[in-house]
Amino acid sequence: MLTKKISFYVGMLGLFVGTFFLYYISHPTPPGNYKTLPPVNPYPKAIAASGIVEAANENISIGVPTGALVSNLYVKVWDRVKAGQPLFSLDDRDLQAQLQIQKANVAIAESQLARLKDQLERLKSVKDPRSVSQEDLKTKIHDVTIAEAQLKAAEAQVQNTQALIDRLTIRAPKDGIIMQSNIRPGEYISLNAESAPMMLGDLDHLQIRVNVDEENAYKVDGKAAAVAYPKNNATFSFPLHFIRIEPYVIPKRSLTGSSAERVDTRVLQVIYTFEQPKDFKLYAGQQVDVFIDDVKGH
């Protein structure tokens, strides 16, 4: 009797669980209330791509000629600079020490040359040619020539070291605005640093570098209309104006995080410009979603 009761209760429990499971799968979970909606394609057929905002003529990553400590920092983020203006300088104490030694070598070479020239003039001023052998005269002339060459070599070393010192003052390659600064006085800059010490760009004129997957590259038409949405903002869009297509397909570098993207994807880069929206400020480095009208209807 006990075994029959246990079997009965187990059967009732299984019936209850089965009924609940059937009810659960027959009523799907209602869709969530998403705060951000994906951007809407405004064209009947379009090429979807991702892009990044950058300064006109591309962002310039300022490099260094050698790894060294930062001694002085002359500018900060948002400073407007002119071409040739100093941005920061590296520690040059070792080169300055070499320069002092080389300048002393120049002074020694000048003194030696002056002494040899004076001796040569004395030999030439002797009126009786029998008093001075021709061999001594030629030897002294050669000594003066050698001393002149040694002086030029010493001066060349000074000029070389001065050029190396001047190279440690990093200057702006063009007019622009300091967009990013990743250094502080006293920090060591490596030649293989992951991020550039500074980034310079023309923020008065922005452009968008659009990455079109290589499988859609043949669809791109420079005369086609294009529109961009800021990332995760489907309520605001702005038109784009075609500038150029860069004809070399490159590996994709700025992945958006979508699970459909592949690391080995190659992209065609298309450059667009736009007018800065009045009600929505766009910054260099910001990602956008781009739709390009597929006028050919592929």
C-alpha atoms as a PDB file:
ATOM      1  CA  MET A   1       0.000   0.000   0.000  1.00  0.00           C
ATOM      2  CA  LEU A   2       2.850   2.410   0.843  1.00  0.00           C
ATOM      3  CA  THR A   3       4.485   1.771  -2.525  1.00  0.00           C
ATOM      4  CA  LYS A   4       1.221   2.503  -4.354  1.00  0.00           C
ATOM      5  CA  LYS A   5       0.829   5.840  -2.500  1.00  0.00           C
ATOM      6  CA  ILE A   6       4.342   6.929  -3.356  1.00  0.00           C
ATOM      7  CA  SER A   7       3.839   6.068  -7.017  1.00  0.00           C
ATOM      8  CA  PHE A   8       0.557   8.007  -7.044  1.00  0.00           C
ATOM      9  CA  TYR A   9       2.162  11.172  -5.609  1.00  0.00           C
ATOM     10  CA  VAL A  10       5.141  10.930  -7.961  1.00  0.00           C
ATOM     11  CA  GLY A  11       2.781  10.631 -10.906  1.00  0.00           C
ATOM     12  CA  MET A  12       0.757  13.656  -9.767  1.00  0.00           C
ATOM     13  CA  LEU A  13       3.966  15.690  -9.349  1.00  0.00           C
ATOM     14  CA  GLY A  14       5.088  14.742 -12.867  1.00  0.00           C
ATOM     15  CA  LEU A  15       1.682  15.711 -14.261  1.00  0.00           C
ATOM     16  CA  PHE A  16       1.873  19.087 -12.529  1.00  0.00           C
ATOM     17  CA  VAL A  17       5.402  19.770 -13.774  1.00  0.00           C
ATOM     18  CA  GLY A  18       4.480  18.766 -17.328  1.00  0.00           C
ATOM     19  CA  THR A  19       1.404  21.009 -17.312  1.00  0.00           C
ATOM     20  CA  PHE A  20       3.422  23.989 -16.042  1.00  0.00           C
ATOM     21  CA  PHE A  21       6.122  23.415 -18.664  1.00  0.00           C
ATOM     22  CA  LEU A  22       3.572  23.299 -21.501  1.00  0.00           C
ATOM     23  CA  TYR A  23       1.978  26.515 -20.251  1.00  0.00           C
ATOM     24  CA  TYR A  24       5.342  28.234 -20.003  1.00  0.00           C
ATOM     25  CA  ILE A  25       6.513  27.406 -23.531  1.00  0.00           C
ATOM     26  CA  SER A  26       3.117  28.300 -25.036  1.00  0.00           C
ATOM     27  CA  HIS A  27       3.389  31.867 -23.655  1.00  0.00           C
ATOM     28  CA  PRO A  28       6.647  33.460 -24.945  1.00  0.00           C
ATOM     29  CA  THR A  29       8.382  36.122 -22.917  1.00  0.00           C
ATOM     30  CA  PRO A  30       7.083  39.580 -23.885  1.00  0.00           C
ATOM     31  CA  PRO A  31       9.649  41.810 -25.595  1.00  0.00           C
ATOM     32  CA  GLY A  32      11.640  44.045 -23.323  1.00  0.00           C
ATOM     33  CA  ASN A  33      11.342  47.794 -23.208  1.00  0.00           C
ATOM     34  CA  TYR A  34      14.594  48.775 -24.891  1.00  0.00           C
ATOM     35  CA  LYS A  35      15.847  52.271 -24.138  1.00  0.00           C
ATOM     36  CA  THR A  36      17.878  52.549 -27.367  1.00  0.00           C
ATOM     37  CA  LEU A  37      16.572  51.468 -30.743  1.00  0.00           C
ATOM     38  CA  PRO A  38      18.782  50.651 -33.730  1.00  0.00           C
ATOM     39  CA  PRO A  39      19.070  53.305 -36.470  1.00  0.00           C
ATOM     40  CA  VAL A  40      16.525  53.083 -39.281  1.00  0.00           C
ATOM     41  CA  ASN A  41      17.665  52.725 -42.880  1.00  0.00           C
ATOM     42  CA  PRO A  42      16.174  55.716 -44.756  1.00  0.00           C
ATOM     43  CA  TYR A  43      16.684  54.213 -48.228  1.00  0.00           C
ATOM     44  CA  PRO A  44      14.888  51.347 -50.035  1.00  0.00           C
ATOM     45  CA  LYS A  45      18.248  49.596 -50.395  1.00  0.00           C
ATOM     46  CA  ALA A  46      21.368  50.710 -48.595  1.00  0.00           C
ATOM     47  CA  ILE A  47      24.921  49.761 -47.687  1.00  0.00           C
ATOM     48  CA  ALA A  48      25.284  49.665 -43.922  1.00  0.00           C
ATOM     49  CA  ALA A  49      28.700  50.518 -42.505  1.00  0.00           C
ATOM     50  CA  SER A  50      30.426  51.898 -39.460  1.00  0.00           C
ATOM     51  CA  GLY A  51      32.528  55.035 -39.382  1.00  0.00           C
ATOM     52  CA  ILE A  52      34.648  57.134 -37.097  1.00  0.00           C
ATOM     53  CA  VAL A  53      34.891  60.905 -36.867  1.00  0.00           C
ATOM     54  CA  GLU A  54      38.364  62.331 -37.383  1.00  0.00           C
ATOM     55  CA  ALA A  55      40.029  65.654 -38.040  1.00  0.00           C
ATOM     56  CA  ALA A  56      40.324  66.844 -41.617  1.00  0.00           C
ATOM     57  CA  ASN A  57      43.393  65.395 -43.350  1.00  0.00           C
ATOM     58  CA  GLU A  58      43.377  62.671 -40.671  1.00  0.00           C
ATOM     59  CA  ASN A  59      44.451  62.757 -37.041  1.00  0.00           C
ATOM     60  CA  ILE A  60      48.220  63.175 -36.661  1.00  0.00           C
ATOM     61  CA  SER A  61      49.885  61.023 -34.017  1.00  0.00           C
ATOM     62  CA  ILE A  62      52.959  62.922 -32.827  1.00  0.00           C
ATOM     63  CA  GLY A  63      55.976  60.630 -32.490  1.00  0.00           C
ATOM     64  CA  VAL A  64      59.422  60.877 -30.893  1.00  0.00           C
ATOM     65  CA  PRO A  65      62.837  60.199 -32.488  1.00  0.00           C
ATOM     66  CA  THR A  66      64.092  58.193 -29.521  1.00  0.00           C
ATOM     67  CA  GLY A  67      62.991  56.904 -26.140  1.00  0.00           C
ATOM     68  CA  ALA A  68      63.684  59.465 -23.404  1.00  0.00           C
ATOM     69  CA  LEU A  69      62.311  61.327 -20.408  1.00  0.00           C
ATOM     70  CA  VAL A  70      59.965  64.254 -20.984  1.00  0.00           C
ATOM     71  CA  SER A  71      61.680  67.389 -19.679  1.00  0.00           C
ATOM     72  CA  ASN A  72      59.203  70.116 -20.659  1.00  0.00           C
ATOM     73  CA  LEU A  73      55.598  70.275 -21.826  1.00  0.00           C
ATOM     74  CA  TYR A  74      54.639  73.458 -23.671  1.00  0.00           C
ATOM     75  CA  VAL A  75      51.016  72.851 -24.686  1.00  0.00           C
ATOM     76  CA  LYS A  76      47.857  71.220 -23.367  1.00  0.00           C
ATOM     77  CA  VAL A  77      44.681  69.742 -24.810  1.00  0.00           C
ATOM     78  CA  TRP A  78      42.571  72.232 -26.828  1.00  0.00           C
ATOM     79  CA  ASP A  79      45.554  74.533 -27.433  1.00  0.00           C
ATOM     80  CA  ARG A  80      45.697  75.837 -30.993  1.00  0.00           C
ATOM     81  CA  VAL A  81      49.228  75.556 -32.403  1.00  0.00           C
ATOM     82  CA  LYS A  82      51.039  76.698 -35.524  1.00  0.00           C
ATOM     83  CA  ALA A  83      53.355  74.664 -37.713  1.00  0.00           C
ATOM     84  CA  GLY A  84      56.833  74.554 -36.149  1.00  0.00           C
ATOM     85  CA  GLN A  85      55.642  75.509 -32.664  1.00  0.00           C
ATOM     86  CA  PRO A  86      57.311  73.482 -29.846  1.00  0.00           C
ATOM     87  CA  LEU A  87      54.993  70.923 -28.242  1.00  0.00           C
ATOM     88  CA  PHE A  88      57.296  69.212 -25.741  1.00  0.00           C
ATOM     89  CA  SER A  89      60.978  68.455 -25.290  1.00  0.00           C
ATOM     90  CA  LEU A  90      62.934  65.383 -24.218  1.00  0.00           C
ATOM     91  CA  ASP A  91      65.844  65.104 -21.819  1.00  0.00           C
ATOM     92  CA  ASP A  92      69.047  66.135 -23.644  1.00  0.00           C
ATOM     93  CA  ARG A  93      71.575  66.234 -20.784  1.00  0.00           C
ATOM     94  CA  ASP A  94      73.741  63.473 -22.249  1.00  0.00           C
ATOM     95  CA  LEU A  95      73.924  65.258 -25.599  1.00  0.00           C
ATOM     96  CA  GLN A  96      74.654  68.585 -23.911  1.00  0.00           C
ATOM     97  CA  ALA A  97      77.609  66.958 -22.123  1.00  0.00           C
ATOM     98  CA  GLN A  98      78.895  65.569 -25.431  1.00  0.00           C
ATOM     99  CA  LEU A  99      78.468  68.989 -27.008  1.00  0.00           C
ATOM    100  CA  GLN A 100      80.721  70.657 -24.411  1.00  0.00           C
ATOM    101  CA  ILE A 101      83.473  68.111 -25.060  1.00  0.00           C
ATOM    102  CA  GLN A 102      83.132  68.544 -28.833  1.00  0.00           C
ATOM    103  CA  LYS A 103      83.277  72.341 -28.558  1.00  0.00           C
ATOM    104  CA  ALA A 104      86.490  71.961 -26.543  1.00  0.00           C
ATOM    105  CA  ASN A 105      87.869  69.711 -29.287  1.00  0.00           C
ATOM    106  CA  VAL A 106      87.058  72.439 -31.816  1.00  0.00           C
ATOM    107  CA  ALA A 107      88.984  74.976 -29.739  1.00  0.00           C
ATOM    108  CA  ILE A 108      91.957  72.587 -29.550  1.00  0.00           C
ATOM    109  CA  ALA A 109      91.848  72.008 -33.310  1.00  0.00           C
ATOM    110  CA  GLU A 110      91.725  75.754 -33.956  1.00  0.00           C
ATOM    111  CA  SER A 111      94.754  76.315 -31.723  1.00  0.00           C
ATOM    112  CA  GLN A 112      96.717  73.538 -33.400  1.00  0.00           C
ATOM    113  CA  LEU A 113      95.852  74.894 -36.841  1.00  0.00           C
ATOM    114  CA  ALA A 114      96.852  78.418 -35.841  1.00  0.00           C
ATOM    115  CA  ARG A 115     100.191  77.128 -34.454  1.00  0.00           C
ATOM    116  CA  LEU A 116     100.979  75.147 -37.604  1.00  0.00           C
ATOM    117  CA  LYS A 117     100.029  78.059 -39.864  1.00  0.00           C
ATOM    118  CA  ASP A 118     102.297  80.344 -37.872  1.00  0.00           C
ATOM    119  CA  GLN A 119     105.192  77.882 -38.232  1.00  0.00           C
ATOM    120  CA  LEU A 120     104.523  77.592 -41.951  1.00  0.00           C
ATOM    121  CA  GLU A 121     104.536  81.359 -42.392  1.00  0.00           C
ATOM    122  CA  ARG A 122     107.830  81.581 -40.547  1.00  0.00           C
ATOM    123  CA  LEU A 123     109.376  78.997 -42.843  1.00  0.00           C
ATOM    124  CA  LYS A 124     108.101  80.833 -45.901  1.00  0.00           C
ATOM    125  CA  SER A 125     109.388  84.166 -44.615  1.00  0.00           C
ATOM    126  CA  VAL A 126     112.995  82.988 -44.520  1.00  0.00           C
ATOM    127  CA  LYS A 127     114.771  84.895 -47.281  1.00  0.00           C
ATOM    128  CA  ASP A 128     117.633  82.481 -47.764  1.00  0.00           C
ATOM    129  CA  PRO A 129     116.115  79.345 -49.361  1.00  0.00           C
ATOM    130  CA  ARG A 130     119.182  77.366 -48.338  1.00  0.00           C
ATOM    131  CA  SER A 131     118.270  77.791 -44.682  1.00  0.00           C
ATOM    132  CA  VAL A 132     115.039  75.757 -45.065  1.00  0.00           C
ATOM    133  CA  SER A 133     114.876  72.379 -46.749  1.00  0.00           C
ATOM    134  CA  GLN A 134     112.079  71.772 -49.229  1.00  0.00           C
ATOM    135  CA  GLU A 135     111.197  68.582 -47.406  1.00  0.00           C
ATOM    136  CA  ASP A 136     110.530  70.465 -44.138  1.00  0.00           C
ATOM    137  CA  LEU A 137     108.424  73.006 -45.995  1.00  0.00           C
ATOM    138  CA  LYS A 138     106.281  70.361 -47.702  1.00  0.00           C
ATOM    139  CA  THR A 139     105.857  68.471 -44.401  1.00  0.00           C
ATOM    140  CA  LYS A 140     104.645  71.632 -42.688  1.00  0.00           C
ATOM    141  CA  ILE A 141     102.192  72.313 -45.530  1.00  0.00           C
ATOM    142  CA  HIS A 142     100.795  68.790 -45.137  1.00  0.00           C
ATOM    143  CA  ASP A 143     100.527  69.293 -41.358  1.00  0.00           C
ATOM    144  CA  VAL A 144      98.445  72.433 -41.939  1.00  0.00           C
ATOM    145  CA  THR A 145      96.171  70.566 -44.384  1.00  0.00           C
ATOM    146  CA  ILE A 146      95.656  67.760 -41.866  1.00  0.00           C
ATOM    147  CA  ALA A 147      94.918  70.271 -39.091  1.00  0.00           C
ATOM    148  CA  GLU A 148      92.337  72.010 -41.284  1.00  0.00           C
ATOM    149  CA  ALA A 149      90.618  68.675 -41.941  1.00  0.00           C
ATOM    150  CA  GLN A 150      90.646  67.847 -38.220  1.00  0.00           C
ATOM    151  CA  LEU A 151      89.055  71.212 -37.464  1.00  0.00           C
ATOM    152  CA  LYS A 152      86.298  70.581 -40.009  1.00  0.00           C
ATOM    153  CA  ALA A 153      85.646  67.122 -38.504  1.00  0.00           C
ATOM    154  CA  ALA A 154      85.417  68.604 -35.009  1.00  0.00           C
ATOM    155  CA  GLU A 155      83.026  71.309 -36.222  1.00  0.00           C
ATOM    156  CA  ALA A 156      80.922  68.659 -38.010  1.00  0.00           C
ATOM    157  CA  GLN A 157      80.599  66.712 -34.755  1.00  0.00           C
ATOM    158  CA  VAL A 158      79.359  69.846 -33.020  1.00  0.00           C
ATOM    159  CA  GLN A 159      76.801  70.486 -35.756  1.00  0.00           C
ATOM    160  CA  ASN A 160      75.634  66.859 -35.615  1.00  0.00           C
ATOM    161  CA  THR A 161      75.126  66.968 -31.850  1.00  0.00           C
ATOM    162  CA  GLN A 162      73.326  70.319 -32.092  1.00  0.00           C
ATOM    163  CA  ALA A 163      70.978  68.780 -34.682  1.00  0.00           C
ATOM    164  CA  LEU A 164      70.308  65.824 -32.354  1.00  0.00           C
ATOM    165  CA  ILE A 165      69.544  68.229 -29.498  1.00  0.00           C
ATOM    166  CA  ASP A 166      67.215  70.280 -31.667  1.00  0.00           C
ATOM    167  CA  ARG A 167      65.456  67.079 -32.731  1.00  0.00           C
ATOM    168  CA  LEU A 168      64.540  66.403 -29.092  1.00  0.00           C
ATOM    169  CA  THR A 169      62.256  69.439 -29.158  1.00  0.00           C
ATOM    170  CA  ILE A 170      59.133  68.027 -30.788  1.00  0.00           C
ATOM    171  CA  ARG A 171      57.349  70.592 -32.957  1.00  0.00           C
ATOM    172  CA  ALA A 172      53.933  70.735 -34.593  1.00  0.00           C
ATOM    173  CA  PRO A 173      54.096  69.465 -38.196  1.00  0.00           C
ATOM    174  CA  LYS A 174      51.129  71.641 -39.196  1.00  0.00           C
ATOM    175  CA  ASP A 175      48.521  74.040 -37.848  1.00  0.00           C
ATOM    176  CA  GLY A 176      45.884  72.422 -35.672  1.00  0.00           C
ATOM    177  CA  ILE A 177      44.497  71.773 -32.207  1.00  0.00           C
ATOM    178  CA  ILE A 178      45.935  69.452 -29.571  1.00  0.00           C
ATOM    179  CA  MET A 179      43.322  66.698 -29.348  1.00  0.00           C
ATOM    180  CA  GLN A 180      45.053  64.413 -26.885  1.00  0.00           C
ATOM    181  CA  SER A 181      48.081  64.500 -24.585  1.00  0.00           C
ATOM    182  CA  ASN A 182      49.328  61.304 -22.955  1.00  0.00           C
ATOM    183  CA  ILE A 183      52.541  62.581 -21.364  1.00  0.00           C
ATOM    184  CA  ARG A 184      53.667  64.458 -18.269  1.00  0.00           C
ATOM    185  CA  PRO A 185      57.054  65.985 -17.395  1.00  0.00           C
ATOM    186  CA  GLY A 186      59.288  63.294 -15.942  1.00  0.00           C
ATOM    187  CA  GLU A 187      57.587  60.401 -17.748  1.00  0.00           C
ATOM    188  CA  TYR A 188      59.563  58.107 -20.020  1.00  0.00           C
ATOM    189  CA  ILE A 189      58.401  57.844 -23.628  1.00  0.00           C
ATOM    190  CA  SER A 190      59.129  54.592 -25.417  1.00  0.00           C
ATOM    191  CA  LEU A 191      59.435  54.240 -29.168  1.00  0.00           C
ATOM    192  CA  ASN A 192      57.057  51.266 -28.974  1.00  0.00           C
ATOM    193  CA  ALA A 193      54.404  52.942 -26.821  1.00  0.00           C
ATOM    194  CA  GLU A 194      50.855  51.748 -27.487  1.00  0.00           C
ATOM    195  CA  SER A 195      49.469  55.292 -27.652  1.00  0.00           C
ATOM    196  CA  ALA A 196      51.043  58.337 -29.254  1.00  0.00           C
ATOM    197  CA  PRO A 197      52.403  61.011 -26.868  1.00  0.00           C
ATOM    198  CA  MET A 198      50.162  63.607 -28.512  1.00  0.00           C
ATOM    199  CA  MET A 199      47.511  63.785 -31.190  1.00  0.00           C
ATOM    200  CA  LEU A 200      47.037  66.819 -33.405  1.00  0.00           C
ATOM    201  CA  GLY A 201      44.206  67.594 -35.782  1.00  0.00           C
ATOM    202  CA  ASP A 202      42.195  70.264 -37.545  1.00  0.00           C
ATOM    203  CA  LEU A 203      39.015  70.303 -35.459  1.00  0.00           C
ATOM    204  CA  ASP A 204      37.599  73.215 -37.446  1.00  0.00           C
ATOM    205  CA  HIS A 205      36.886  70.737 -40.238  1.00  0.00           C
ATOM    206  CA  LEU A 206      35.837  67.196 -39.380  1.00  0.00           C
ATOM    207  CA  GLN A 207      35.352  64.198 -41.616  1.00  0.00           C
ATOM    208  CA  ILE A 208      34.122  60.631 -41.250  1.00  0.00           C
ATOM    209  CA  ARG A 209      36.153  57.600 -42.290  1.00  0.00           C
ATOM    210  CA  VAL A 210      33.619  54.922 -43.223  1.00  0.00           C
ATOM    211  CA  ASN A 211      34.600  51.250 -43.290  1.00  0.00           C
ATOM    212  CA  VAL A 212      32.618  49.339 -45.931  1.00  0.00           C
ATOM    213  CA  ASP A 213      32.996  45.548 -45.867  1.00  0.00           C
ATOM    214  CA  GLU A 214      34.866  44.275 -48.911  1.00  0.00           C
ATOM    215  CA  GLU A 215      31.863  42.215 -49.988  1.00  0.00           C
ATOM    216  CA  ASN A 216      29.931  45.490 -50.450  1.00  0.00           C
ATOM    217  CA  ALA A 217      32.817  47.501 -51.905  1.00  0.00           C
ATOM    218  CA  TYR A 218      31.596  47.201 -55.494  1.00  0.00           C
ATOM    219  CA  LYS A 219      28.269  48.797 -54.524  1.00  0.00           C
ATOM    220  CA  VAL A 220      29.740  52.094 -53.345  1.00  0.00           C
ATOM    221  CA  ASP A 221      28.905  55.066 -55.576  1.00  0.00           C
ATOM    222  CA  GLY A 222      30.370  58.475 -54.809  1.00  0.00           C
ATOM    223  CA  LYS A 223      27.271  60.187 -56.220  1.00  0.00           C
ATOM    224  CA  ALA A 224      24.933  58.311 -53.857  1.00  0.00           C
ATOM    225  CA  ALA A 225      23.421  60.006 -50.829  1.00  0.00           C
ATOM    226  CA  ALA A 226      24.601  58.953 -47.382  1.00  0.00           C
ATOM    227  CA  VAL A 227      23.448  59.584 -43.845  1.00  0.00           C
ATOM    228  CA  ALA A 228      25.030  58.976 -40.437  1.00  0.00           C
ATOM    229  CA  TYR A 229      23.654  58.302 -36.961  1.00  0.00           C
ATOM    230  CA  PRO A 230      25.702  58.796 -33.771  1.00  0.00           C
ATOM    231  CA  LYS A 231      26.355  55.491 -32.047  1.00  0.00           C
ATOM    232  CA  ASN A 232      23.353  54.267 -30.006  1.00  0.00           C
ATOM    233  CA  ASN A 233      21.257  57.236 -31.079  1.00  0.00           C
ATOM    234  CA  ALA A 234      18.514  56.476 -33.590  1.00  0.00           C
ATOM    235  CA  THR A 235      16.682  59.774 -33.082  1.00  0.00           C
ATOM    236  CA  PHE A 236      19.270  62.013 -34.738  1.00  0.00           C
ATOM    237  CA  SER A 237      20.868  61.813 -38.170  1.00  0.00           C
ATOM    238  CA  PHE A 238      22.808  64.135 -40.442  1.00  0.00           C
ATOM    239  CA  PRO A 239      23.698  64.029 -44.155  1.00  0.00           C
ATOM    240  CA  LEU A 240      27.183  63.239 -45.445  1.00  0.00           C
ATOM    241  CA  HIS A 241      29.046  64.685 -48.418  1.00  0.00           C
ATOM    242  CA  PHE A 242      31.309  62.421 -50.430  1.00  0.00           C
ATOM    243  CA  ILE A 243      35.021  63.321 -50.601  1.00  0.00           C
ATOM    244  CA  ARG A 244      36.917  60.324 -51.940  1.00  0.00           C
ATOM    245  CA  ILE A 245      37.359  56.574 -51.940  1.00  0.00           C
ATOM    246  CA  GLU A 246      40.717  55.238 -50.782  1.00  0.00           C
ATOM    247  CA  PRO A 247      41.340  52.511 -53.358  1.00  0.00           C
ATOM    248  CA  TYR A 248      43.300  50.118 -51.123  1.00  0.00           C
ATOM    249  CA  VAL A 249      41.267  47.592 -49.133  1.00  0.00           C
ATOM    250  CA  ILE A 250      42.777  47.185 -45.642  1.00  0.00           C
ATOM    251  CA  PRO A 251      42.184  44.887 -42.656  1.00  0.00           C
ATOM    252  CA  LYS A 252      39.457  46.168 -40.377  1.00  0.00           C
ATOM    253  CA  ARG A 253      40.897  47.838 -37.299  1.00  0.00           C
ATOM    254  CA  SER A 254      37.996  49.472 -35.427  1.00  0.00           C
ATOM    255  CA  LEU A 255      35.614  46.656 -34.567  1.00  0.00           C
ATOM    256  CA  THR A 256      32.250  47.741 -33.183  1.00  0.00           C
ATOM    257  CA  GLY A 257      31.784  44.683 -30.986  1.00  0.00           C
ATOM    258  CA  SER A 258      29.077  43.003 -33.039  1.00  0.00           C
ATOM    259  CA  SER A 259      29.123  39.207 -32.881  1.00  0.00           C
ATOM    260  CA  ALA A 260      28.687  39.100 -36.679  1.00  0.00           C
ATOM    261  CA  GLU A 261      32.035  40.795 -37.280  1.00  0.00           C
ATOM    262  CA  ARG A 262      35.145  38.789 -38.093  1.00  0.00           C
ATOM    263  CA  VAL A 263      38.648  39.786 -37.160  1.00  0.00           C
ATOM    264  CA  ASP A 264      39.862  38.916 -40.663  1.00  0.00           C
ATOM    265  CA  THR A 265      37.364  41.266 -42.342  1.00  0.00           C
ATOM    266  CA  ARG A 266      38.856  43.700 -44.858  1.00  0.00           C
ATOM    267  CA  VAL A 267      37.223  47.037 -45.572  1.00  0.00           C
ATOM    268  CA  LEU A 268      37.134  49.740 -48.210  1.00  0.00           C
ATOM    269  CA  GLN A 269      37.529  53.177 -46.626  1.00  0.00           C
ATOM    270  CA  VAL A 270      35.305  55.975 -47.904  1.00  0.00           C
ATOM    271  CA  ILE A 271      35.811  59.547 -46.705  1.00  0.00           C
ATOM    272  CA  TYR A 272      32.846  61.865 -46.130  1.00  0.00           C
ATOM    273  CA  THR A 273      32.621  65.353 -44.737  1.00  0.00           C
ATOM    274  CA  PHE A 274      29.700  66.950 -42.913  1.00  0.00           C
ATOM    275  CA  GLU A 275      28.574  70.165 -41.297  1.00  0.00           C
ATOM    276  CA  GLN A 276      28.786  70.199 -37.523  1.00  0.00           C
ATOM    277  CA  PRO A 277      25.187  69.863 -36.220  1.00  0.00           C
ATOM    278  CA  LYS A 278      23.977  72.749 -34.098  1.00  0.00           C
ATOM    279  CA  ASP A 279      22.047  70.670 -31.570  1.00  0.00           C
ATOM    280  CA  PHE A 280      24.403  67.681 -31.354  1.00  0.00           C
ATOM    281  CA  LYS A 281      28.132  68.133 -30.849  1.00  0.00           C
ATOM    282  CA  LEU A 282      30.325  65.560 -32.574  1.00  0.00           C
ATOM    283  CA  TYR A 283      33.915  64.928 -31.506  1.00  0.00           C
ATOM    284  CA  ALA A 284      36.902  63.335 -33.201  1.00  0.00           C
ATOM    285  CA  GLY A 285      37.113  59.649 -32.358  1.00  0.00           C
ATOM    286  CA  GLN A 286      33.333  59.223 -32.050  1.00  0.00           C
ATOM    287  CA  GLN A 287      31.772  56.238 -33.832  1.00  0.00           C
ATOM    288  CA  VAL A 288      28.763  56.555 -36.134  1.00  0.00           C
ATOM    289  CA  ASP A 289      26.483  54.213 -38.050  1.00  0.00           C
ATOM    290  CA  VAL A 290      26.351  55.039 -41.752  1.00  0.00           C
ATOM    291  CA  PHE A 291      23.846  54.152 -44.487  1.00  0.00           C
ATOM    292  CA  ILE A 292      24.847  54.705 -48.119  1.00  0.00           C
ATOM    293  CA  ASP A 293      22.094  54.643 -50.727  1.00  0.00           C
ATOM    294  CA  ASP A 294      22.517  51.629 -53.004  1.00  0.00           C
ATOM    295  CA  VAL A 295      21.513  53.479 -56.171  1.00  0.00           C
ATOM    296  CA  LYS A 296      22.511  50.530 -58.344  1.00  0.00           C
ATOM    297  CA  GLY A 297      20.046  48.298 -56.501  1.00  0.00           C
ATOM    298  CA  HIS A 298      22.396  45.342 -56.057  1.00  0.00           C
END
